[in-house]
C-alpha atoms as a PDB file:
ATOM      1  CA  SER A   1       0.000   0.000   0.000  1.00  0.00           C
ATOM      2  CA  GLU A   2       2.796   2.375   0.935  1.00  0.00           C
ATOM      3  CA  SER A   3       4.722   1.563  -2.231  1.00  0.00           C
ATOM      4  CA  HIS A   4       1.721   2.664  -4.342  1.00  0.00           C
ATOM      5  CA  LEU A   5       1.752   6.039  -2.582  1.00  0.00           C
ATOM      6  CA  LEU A   6       5.424   6.481  -3.398  1.00  0.00           C
ATOM      7  CA  GLU A   7       4.898   5.511  -7.042  1.00  0.00           C
ATOM      8  CA  ALA A   8       2.092   8.043  -7.626  1.00  0.00           C
ATOM      9  CA  PRO A   9       4.292  11.187  -7.710  1.00  0.00           C
ATOM     10  CA  GLN A  10       6.829   9.430  -9.938  1.00  0.00           C
ATOM     11  CA  PHE A  11       4.059   8.344 -12.326  1.00  0.00           C
ATOM     12  CA  ALA A  12       2.685  11.909 -12.422  1.00  0.00           C
ATOM     13  CA  ILE A  13       6.128  13.327 -13.199  1.00  0.00           C
ATOM     14  CA  GLU A  14       6.686  10.756 -15.952  1.00  0.00           C
ATOM     15  CA  ARG A  15       3.261  11.478 -17.471  1.00  0.00           C
ATOM     16  CA  CYS A  16       3.834  15.254 -17.388  1.00  0.00           C
ATOM     17  CA  SER A  17       7.224  14.750 -19.017  1.00  0.00           C
ATOM     18  CA  GLU A  18       5.591  12.715 -21.803  1.00  0.00           C
ATOM     19  CA  ILE A  19       3.020  15.459 -22.376  1.00  0.00           C
ATOM     20  CA  VAL A  20       5.659  18.196 -22.489  1.00  0.00           C
ATOM     21  CA  LEU A  21       7.796  16.116 -24.854  1.00  0.00           C
ATOM     22  CA  GLY A  22       4.760  15.591 -27.105  1.00  0.00           C
ATOM     23  CA  ILE A  23       3.995  19.316 -27.207  1.00  0.00           C
ATOM     24  CA  VAL A  24       7.616  20.214 -27.958  1.00  0.00           C
ATOM     25  CA  SER A  25       7.724  17.564 -30.697  1.00  0.00           C
ATOM     26  CA  ALA A  26       4.535  18.925 -32.274  1.00  0.00           C
ATOM     27  CA  VAL A  27       5.894  22.487 -32.262  1.00  0.00           C
ATOM     28  CA  LEU A  28       9.219  21.405 -33.753  1.00  0.00           C
ATOM     29  CA  ALA A  29       7.487  19.330 -36.434  1.00  0.00           C
ATOM     30  CA  ASP A  30       5.308  22.314 -37.303  1.00  0.00           C
ATOM     31  CA  LEU A  31       8.346  24.565 -37.586  1.00  0.00           C
ATOM     32  CA  LEU A  32      10.342  22.069 -39.639  1.00  0.00           C
ATOM     33  CA  PHE A  33       7.729  20.690 -42.003  1.00  0.00           C
ATOM     34  CA  SER A  34       5.273  23.549 -42.621  1.00  0.00           C
ATOM     35  CA  PRO A  35       6.379  25.858 -45.414  1.00  0.00           C
ATOM     36  CA  ARG A  36       6.778  29.440 -44.310  1.00  0.00           C
ATOM     37  CA  SER A  37       4.965  30.782 -47.357  1.00  0.00           C
ATOM     38  CA  ILE A  38       1.762  28.988 -46.361  1.00  0.00           C
ATOM     39  CA  LYS A  39       1.966  30.309 -42.818  1.00  0.00           C
ATOM     40  CA  GLN A  40       2.481  33.847 -44.105  1.00  0.00           C
ATOM     41  CA  ASP A  41      -0.482  33.473 -46.461  1.00  0.00           C
ATOM     42  CA  ILE A  42      -2.688  32.233 -43.642  1.00  0.00           C
ATOM     43  CA  ASP A  43      -1.562  35.039 -41.318  1.00  0.00           C
ATOM     44  CA  ARG A  44      -2.237  37.580 -44.060  1.00  0.00           C
ATOM     45  CA  ALA A  45      -5.686  36.089 -44.774  1.00  0.00           C
ATOM     46  CA  VAL A  46      -6.614  36.157 -41.080  1.00  0.00           C
ATOM     47  CA  ASP A  47      -5.525  39.796 -40.803  1.00  0.00           C
ATOM     48  CA  GLN A  48      -7.577  40.691 -43.879  1.00  0.00           C
ATOM     49  CA  LEU A  49     -10.606  38.884 -42.448  1.00  0.00           C
ATOM     50  CA  LEU A  50     -10.391  40.848 -39.221  1.00  0.00           C
ATOM     51  CA  VAL A  51     -10.210  44.131 -41.127  1.00  0.00           C
ATOM     52  CA  ALA A  52     -13.105  43.089 -43.380  1.00  0.00           C
ATOM     53  CA  GLN A  53     -15.232  42.170 -40.356  1.00  0.00           C
ATOM     54  CA  TYR A  54     -14.473  45.530 -38.757  1.00  0.00           C
ATOM     55  CA  ARG A  55     -15.386  47.373 -41.970  1.00  0.00           C
ATOM     56  CA  LEU A  56     -18.621  45.400 -42.266  1.00  0.00           C
ATOM     57  CA  MET A  57     -19.494  46.322 -38.695  1.00  0.00           C
ATOM     58  CA  GLN A  58     -18.778  49.988 -39.466  1.00  0.00           C
ATOM     59  CA  MET A  59     -21.014  49.802 -42.530  1.00  0.00           C
ATOM     60  CA  CYS A  60     -23.858  48.345 -40.472  1.00  0.00           C
ATOM     61  CA  ILE A  61     -23.527  50.996 -37.785  1.00  0.00           C
ATOM     62  CA  SER A  62     -23.343  53.876 -40.270  1.00  0.00           C
ATOM     63  CA  ASN A  63     -26.483  52.702 -42.128  1.00  0.00           C
ATOM     64  CA  ALA A  64     -24.670  52.059 -45.393  1.00  0.00           C
ATOM     65  CA  ASP A  65     -26.544  50.994 -48.506  1.00  0.00           C
ATOM     66  CA  LYS A  66     -27.992  47.481 -48.204  1.00  0.00           C
ATOM     67  CA  GLU A  67     -26.363  46.381 -51.465  1.00  0.00           C
ATOM     68  CA  ASP A  68     -22.935  47.480 -50.228  1.00  0.00           C
ATOM     69  CA  ILE A  69     -23.451  45.592 -46.969  1.00  0.00           C
ATOM     70  CA  ASP A  70     -24.591  42.478 -48.859  1.00  0.00           C
ATOM     71  CA  ARG A  71     -21.557  42.693 -51.152  1.00  0.00           C
ATOM     72  CA  ALA A  72     -19.184  43.101 -48.190  1.00  0.00           C
ATOM     73  CA  TRP A  73     -20.881  40.188 -46.407  1.00  0.00           C
ATOM     74  CA  SER A  74     -20.595  37.983 -49.503  1.00  0.00           C
ATOM     75  CA  ASN A  75     -16.896  38.821 -49.876  1.00  0.00           C
ATOM     76  CA  LEU A  76     -16.340  38.050 -46.192  1.00  0.00           C
ATOM     77  CA  VAL A  77     -18.012  34.640 -46.568  1.00  0.00           C
ATOM     78  CA  LYS A  78     -15.882  33.884 -49.659  1.00  0.00           C
ATOM     79  CA  SER A  79     -12.695  34.856 -47.824  1.00  0.00           C
ATOM     80  CA  THR A  80     -13.635  32.737 -44.817  1.00  0.00           C
ATOM     81  CA  THR A  81     -14.349  29.755 -47.069  1.00  0.00           C
ATOM     82  CA  ALA A  82     -10.994  30.225 -48.813  1.00  0.00           C
ATOM     83  CA  LEU A  83      -9.211  30.341 -45.453  1.00  0.00           C
ATOM     84  CA  ASP A  84     -10.993  27.179 -44.360  1.00  0.00           C
ATOM     85  CA  GLY A  85      -9.799  25.553 -47.582  1.00  0.00           C
ATOM     86  CA  MET A  86      -6.186  26.387 -46.681  1.00  0.00           C
ATOM     87  CA  ARG A  87      -6.618  24.487 -43.437  1.00  0.00           C
ATOM     88  CA  ASN A  88      -7.454  21.185 -45.101  1.00  0.00           C
END
């Protein structure tokens, strides 16, 4: 019974070490095997989406023309779909 109590902290430390090693391995694999150009494209697309969402919100608040809002919304949906396609 006492030996099980002594093994518990060691098991927890070993398990935490495995988790940390797994996370570090995943980060290193991402850095080594993902092309930088794709990451830059995704970062750029995300930035553009945020700006487009902000502009759409401004248009809604300022009572812009419905057709302009619909066009901006449609473009935002297309951009989001394209970004989702990059993920797969």
